[in-house]
Amino acid sequence: MSAPPTDPPPRRRVSTTFTPRFTLSLFYLFGFFFLFALLLVVPALVEAFQQLPAESTPQDLEIASEVARETLRPRLGIAVAGSILATALGAYTNSLPGMRA
């Protein structure tokens, strides 16, 4: 007599973990953008604050915000391009935490 056929062993279910790469890439993109924008604005703000008197008034704060706006406006493309490049390069080289394969 022949032995009855045996069922194949049950297949293991591969456990996949959720990795929010798209969300993390957006956070990195915005983080790099604010970092680069801040780095582009800080030198002009330091120069503007050095020229102000010791007592600051609300007008001084308006002047500082206008300096920041006028400094960042022509350099906004640089900050955007830098943030896209830094995020893409970090994702490509697997150097950003959470973006590693």
N, C-alpha and C. Protein backbone atom coordinates (compact mmCIF):
# COMPACT_ATOMS: atom_id res chain seq x y z
N MET A 1 0.81 -1.17 0.00
CA MET A 1 0.00 0.00 0.00
C MET A 1 0.86 1.24 0.00
N SER A 2 0.30 2.25 -0.59
CA SER A 2 1.07 3.49 -0.63
C SER A 2 0.56 4.43 0.46
N ALA A 3 1.45 5.24 0.93
CA ALA A 3 1.10 6.18 1.99
C ALA A 3 0.19 7.27 1.43
N PRO A 4 -0.76 7.73 2.22
CA PRO A 4 -1.62 8.79 1.74
C PRO A 4 -0.81 10.07 1.51
N PRO A 5 -1.22 10.85 0.52
CA PRO A 5 -0.46 12.09 0.26
C PRO A 5 -0.55 13.03 1.46
N THR A 6 0.56 13.64 1.76
CA THR A 6 0.59 14.58 2.88
C THR A 6 0.46 16.00 2.35
N ASP A 7 -0.17 16.80 3.14
CA ASP A 7 -0.31 18.20 2.76
C ASP A 7 1.05 18.88 2.86
N PRO A 8 1.31 19.82 1.95
CA PRO A 8 2.58 20.54 2.07
C PRO A 8 2.56 21.39 3.34
N PRO A 9 3.73 21.64 3.88
CA PRO A 9 3.78 22.46 5.11
C PRO A 9 3.20 23.84 4.82
N PRO A 10 2.52 24.39 5.81
CA PRO A 10 1.93 25.73 5.59
C PRO A 10 3.03 26.76 5.30
N ARG A 11 2.72 27.63 4.39
CA ARG A 11 3.70 28.68 4.05
C ARG A 11 3.72 29.73 5.12
N ARG A 12 4.91 30.18 5.37
CA ARG A 12 5.05 31.27 6.34
C ARG A 12 4.66 32.58 5.68
N ARG A 13 3.97 33.33 6.40
CA ARG A 13 3.59 34.63 5.90
C ARG A 13 4.74 35.60 6.16
N VAL A 14 5.16 36.27 5.12
CA VAL A 14 6.27 37.21 5.26
C VAL A 14 5.74 38.46 5.94
N SER A 15 6.36 38.79 7.02
CA SER A 15 5.94 39.95 7.79
C SER A 15 6.56 41.21 7.18
N THR A 16 5.74 42.10 6.75
CA THR A 16 6.24 43.37 6.23
C THR A 16 5.95 44.46 7.25
N THR A 17 6.89 45.32 7.41
CA THR A 17 6.69 46.43 8.34
C THR A 17 6.40 47.68 7.54
N PHE A 18 5.62 48.53 8.12
CA PHE A 18 5.26 49.78 7.47
C PHE A 18 6.38 50.78 7.64
N THR A 19 6.88 51.30 6.54
CA THR A 19 7.90 52.35 6.58
C THR A 19 7.37 53.55 5.80
N PRO A 20 7.08 54.61 6.47
CA PRO A 20 6.50 55.79 5.81
C PRO A 20 7.55 56.61 5.08
N ARG A 21 8.09 56.07 4.00
CA ARG A 21 9.17 56.75 3.30
C ARG A 21 8.72 58.06 2.66
N PHE A 22 7.51 58.07 2.10
CA PHE A 22 7.04 59.30 1.46
C PHE A 22 6.86 60.41 2.48
N THR A 23 6.27 60.08 3.62
CA THR A 23 6.08 61.09 4.67
C THR A 23 7.41 61.58 5.20
N LEU A 24 8.34 60.65 5.42
CA LEU A 24 9.66 61.05 5.89
C LEU A 24 10.38 61.91 4.86
N SER A 25 10.22 61.58 3.58
CA SER A 25 10.88 62.39 2.55
C SER A 25 10.31 63.80 2.52
N LEU A 26 9.01 63.95 2.77
CA LEU A 26 8.43 65.29 2.85
C LEU A 26 8.97 66.05 4.05
N PHE A 27 9.10 65.37 5.20
CA PHE A 27 9.66 66.02 6.38
C PHE A 27 11.11 66.45 6.12
N TYR A 28 11.89 65.58 5.50
CA TYR A 28 13.27 65.94 5.18
C TYR A 28 13.31 67.10 4.19
N LEU A 29 12.43 67.09 3.21
CA LEU A 29 12.39 68.15 2.21
C LEU A 29 12.10 69.50 2.87
N PHE A 30 11.07 69.54 3.72
CA PHE A 30 10.73 70.80 4.40
C PHE A 30 11.80 71.20 5.41
N GLY A 31 12.38 70.22 6.08
CA GLY A 31 13.44 70.53 7.04
C GLY A 31 14.67 71.11 6.37
N PHE A 32 15.08 70.49 5.26
CA PHE A 32 16.22 71.04 4.52
C PHE A 32 15.90 72.41 3.94
N PHE A 33 14.65 72.62 3.50
CA PHE A 33 14.27 73.92 2.95
C PHE A 33 14.41 75.00 4.02
N PHE A 34 13.86 74.76 5.22
CA PHE A 34 13.96 75.76 6.28
C PHE A 34 15.40 75.97 6.72
N LEU A 35 16.19 74.92 6.73
CA LEU A 35 17.61 75.06 7.08
C LEU A 35 18.34 75.93 6.07
N PHE A 36 18.16 75.63 4.77
CA PHE A 36 18.85 76.41 3.75
C PHE A 36 18.33 77.85 3.69
N ALA A 37 17.03 78.03 3.86
CA ALA A 37 16.47 79.39 3.86
C ALA A 37 17.03 80.18 5.04
N LEU A 38 17.13 79.55 6.19
CA LEU A 38 17.68 80.22 7.36
C LEU A 38 19.15 80.58 7.15
N LEU A 39 19.89 79.66 6.57
CA LEU A 39 21.31 79.93 6.31
C LEU A 39 21.50 81.07 5.31
N LEU A 40 20.55 81.24 4.40
CA LEU A 40 20.65 82.33 3.43
C LEU A 40 20.23 83.68 4.02
N VAL A 41 19.38 83.67 5.03
CA VAL A 41 18.86 84.92 5.59
C VAL A 41 19.68 85.43 6.76
N VAL A 42 20.27 84.54 7.54
CA VAL A 42 20.95 84.93 8.77
C VAL A 42 22.03 85.99 8.56
N PRO A 43 22.90 85.90 7.56
CA PRO A 43 23.92 86.96 7.43
C PRO A 43 23.33 88.36 7.23
N ALA A 44 22.26 88.47 6.46
CA ALA A 44 21.63 89.79 6.26
C ALA A 44 20.96 90.27 7.54
N LEU A 45 20.36 89.36 8.30
CA LEU A 45 19.73 89.75 9.56
C LEU A 45 20.76 90.20 10.59
N VAL A 46 21.89 89.52 10.65
CA VAL A 46 22.94 89.92 11.59
C VAL A 46 23.44 91.31 11.24
N GLU A 47 23.63 91.55 9.96
CA GLU A 47 24.09 92.88 9.53
C GLU A 47 23.06 93.94 9.85
N ALA A 48 21.78 93.64 9.66
CA ALA A 48 20.73 94.62 9.96
C ALA A 48 20.64 94.88 11.46
N PHE A 49 20.76 93.86 12.27
CA PHE A 49 20.68 94.05 13.72
C PHE A 49 21.91 94.77 14.27
N GLN A 50 23.04 94.64 13.63
CA GLN A 50 24.23 95.36 14.09
C GLN A 50 24.10 96.86 13.84
N GLN A 51 23.32 97.23 12.85
CA GLN A 51 23.15 98.64 12.54
C GLN A 51 22.05 99.30 13.38
N LEU A 52 21.25 98.50 14.06
CA LEU A 52 20.16 99.04 14.88
C LEU A 52 20.69 99.51 16.22
N PRO A 53 20.00 100.49 16.83
CA PRO A 53 20.41 100.93 18.17
C PRO A 53 20.13 99.82 19.21
N ALA A 54 20.66 100.02 20.42
CA ALA A 54 20.54 99.01 21.47
C ALA A 54 19.08 98.78 21.86
N GLU A 55 18.29 99.83 21.92
CA GLU A 55 16.87 99.70 22.25
C GLU A 55 16.10 99.33 20.99
N SER A 56 15.40 98.20 21.00
CA SER A 56 14.64 97.81 19.82
C SER A 56 13.19 98.23 19.98
N THR A 57 12.63 98.70 18.90
CA THR A 57 11.24 99.15 18.86
C THR A 57 10.48 98.28 17.87
N PRO A 58 9.17 98.39 17.86
CA PRO A 58 8.40 97.63 16.86
C PRO A 58 8.80 97.96 15.43
N GLN A 59 9.24 99.19 15.20
CA GLN A 59 9.70 99.56 13.86
C GLN A 59 10.95 98.77 13.48
N ASP A 60 11.81 98.50 14.47
CA ASP A 60 13.01 97.71 14.20
C ASP A 60 12.66 96.29 13.79
N LEU A 61 11.65 95.73 14.43
CA LEU A 61 11.21 94.39 14.05
C LEU A 61 10.62 94.37 12.65
N GLU A 62 9.92 95.44 12.28
CA GLU A 62 9.40 95.54 10.91
C GLU A 62 10.54 95.63 9.91
N ILE A 63 11.57 96.39 10.26
CA ILE A 63 12.74 96.52 9.38
C ILE A 63 13.42 95.16 9.23
N ALA A 64 13.55 94.42 10.33
CA ALA A 64 14.20 93.10 10.27
C ALA A 64 13.39 92.13 9.41
N SER A 65 12.07 92.17 9.56
CA SER A 65 11.26 91.25 8.74
C SER A 65 11.32 91.65 7.27
N GLU A 66 11.39 92.94 6.98
CA GLU A 66 11.52 93.39 5.58
C GLU A 66 12.87 92.98 4.99
N VAL A 67 13.92 93.07 5.80
CA VAL A 67 15.25 92.64 5.35
C VAL A 67 15.23 91.14 5.05
N ALA A 68 14.61 90.37 5.93
CA ALA A 68 14.53 88.92 5.72
C ALA A 68 13.75 88.60 4.45
N ARG A 69 12.64 89.29 4.26
CA ARG A 69 11.82 89.06 3.06
C ARG A 69 12.58 89.41 1.78
N GLU A 70 13.22 90.56 1.78
CA GLU A 70 13.94 90.99 0.57
C GLU A 70 15.20 90.16 0.32
N THR A 71 15.78 89.62 1.37
CA THR A 71 16.95 88.78 1.20
C THR A 71 16.57 87.40 0.67
N LEU A 72 15.47 86.85 1.18
CA LEU A 72 15.09 85.49 0.80
C LEU A 72 14.39 85.43 -0.55
N ARG A 73 13.67 86.46 -0.92
CA ARG A 73 12.88 86.42 -2.16
C ARG A 73 13.71 86.03 -3.39
N PRO A 74 14.86 86.66 -3.68
CA PRO A 74 15.62 86.23 -4.86
C PRO A 74 16.35 84.90 -4.66
N ARG A 75 16.54 84.48 -3.42
CA ARG A 75 17.29 83.26 -3.14
C ARG A 75 16.38 82.07 -2.83
N LEU A 76 15.08 82.25 -2.99
CA LEU A 76 14.14 81.18 -2.67
C LEU A 76 14.37 79.96 -3.55
N GLY A 77 14.69 80.16 -4.81
CA GLY A 77 14.97 79.05 -5.72
C GLY A 77 16.18 78.25 -5.28
N ILE A 78 17.18 78.94 -4.75
CA ILE A 78 18.37 78.25 -4.26
C ILE A 78 18.01 77.34 -3.09
N ALA A 79 17.17 77.84 -2.18
CA ALA A 79 16.77 77.04 -1.03
C ALA A 79 15.94 75.83 -1.46
N VAL A 80 15.03 76.03 -2.42
CA VAL A 80 14.20 74.92 -2.90
C VAL A 80 15.07 73.88 -3.61
N ALA A 81 15.94 74.33 -4.51
CA ALA A 81 16.80 73.40 -5.24
C ALA A 81 17.74 72.66 -4.29
N GLY A 82 18.27 73.37 -3.33
CA GLY A 82 19.16 72.73 -2.35
C GLY A 82 18.44 71.68 -1.52
N SER A 83 17.21 71.97 -1.12
CA SER A 83 16.48 71.00 -0.31
C SER A 83 16.10 69.77 -1.13
N ILE A 84 15.70 69.96 -2.38
CA ILE A 84 15.38 68.81 -3.24
C ILE A 84 16.63 67.98 -3.47
N LEU A 85 17.75 68.64 -3.76
CA LEU A 85 19.00 67.93 -4.01
C LEU A 85 19.48 67.18 -2.76
N ALA A 86 19.40 67.82 -1.60
CA ALA A 86 19.86 67.17 -0.37
C ALA A 86 18.98 65.97 -0.02
N THR A 87 17.67 66.10 -0.19
CA THR A 87 16.78 64.98 0.11
C THR A 87 17.00 63.83 -0.87
N ALA A 88 17.11 64.15 -2.16
CA ALA A 88 17.32 63.11 -3.16
C ALA A 88 18.66 62.41 -2.97
N LEU A 89 19.70 63.18 -2.70
CA LEU A 89 21.02 62.59 -2.49
C LEU A 89 21.06 61.74 -1.23
N GLY A 90 20.41 62.22 -0.18
CA GLY A 90 20.36 61.44 1.07
C GLY A 90 19.57 60.16 0.91
N ALA A 91 18.49 60.20 0.14
CA ALA A 91 17.70 58.98 -0.09
C ALA A 91 18.47 58.02 -0.99
N TYR A 92 19.18 58.53 -1.97
CA TYR A 92 19.93 57.69 -2.90
C TYR A 92 21.09 56.98 -2.20
N THR A 93 21.76 57.69 -1.32
CA THR A 93 22.92 57.11 -0.63
C THR A 93 22.53 56.37 0.66
N ASN A 94 21.25 56.33 0.98
CA ASN A 94 20.74 55.67 2.20
C ASN A 94 21.37 56.25 3.45
N SER A 95 21.60 57.54 3.47
CA SER A 95 22.22 58.16 4.65
C SER A 95 21.21 58.86 5.55
N LEU A 96 19.96 58.98 5.12
CA LEU A 96 18.94 59.60 5.95
C LEU A 96 18.25 58.54 6.80
N PRO A 97 18.16 58.73 8.11
CA PRO A 97 17.49 57.74 8.95
C PRO A 97 16.02 57.58 8.54
N GLY A 98 15.57 56.35 8.49
CA GLY A 98 14.20 56.06 8.10
C GLY A 98 14.02 55.87 6.61
N MET A 99 14.99 56.26 5.82
CA MET A 99 14.89 56.14 4.36
C MET A 99 15.72 54.98 3.84
N ARG A 100 16.33 54.26 4.73
CA ARG A 100 17.19 53.14 4.31
C ARG A 100 16.34 51.97 3.88
N ALA A 101 16.82 51.28 2.88
CA ALA A 101 16.08 50.13 2.36
C ALA A 101 16.26 48.91 3.22
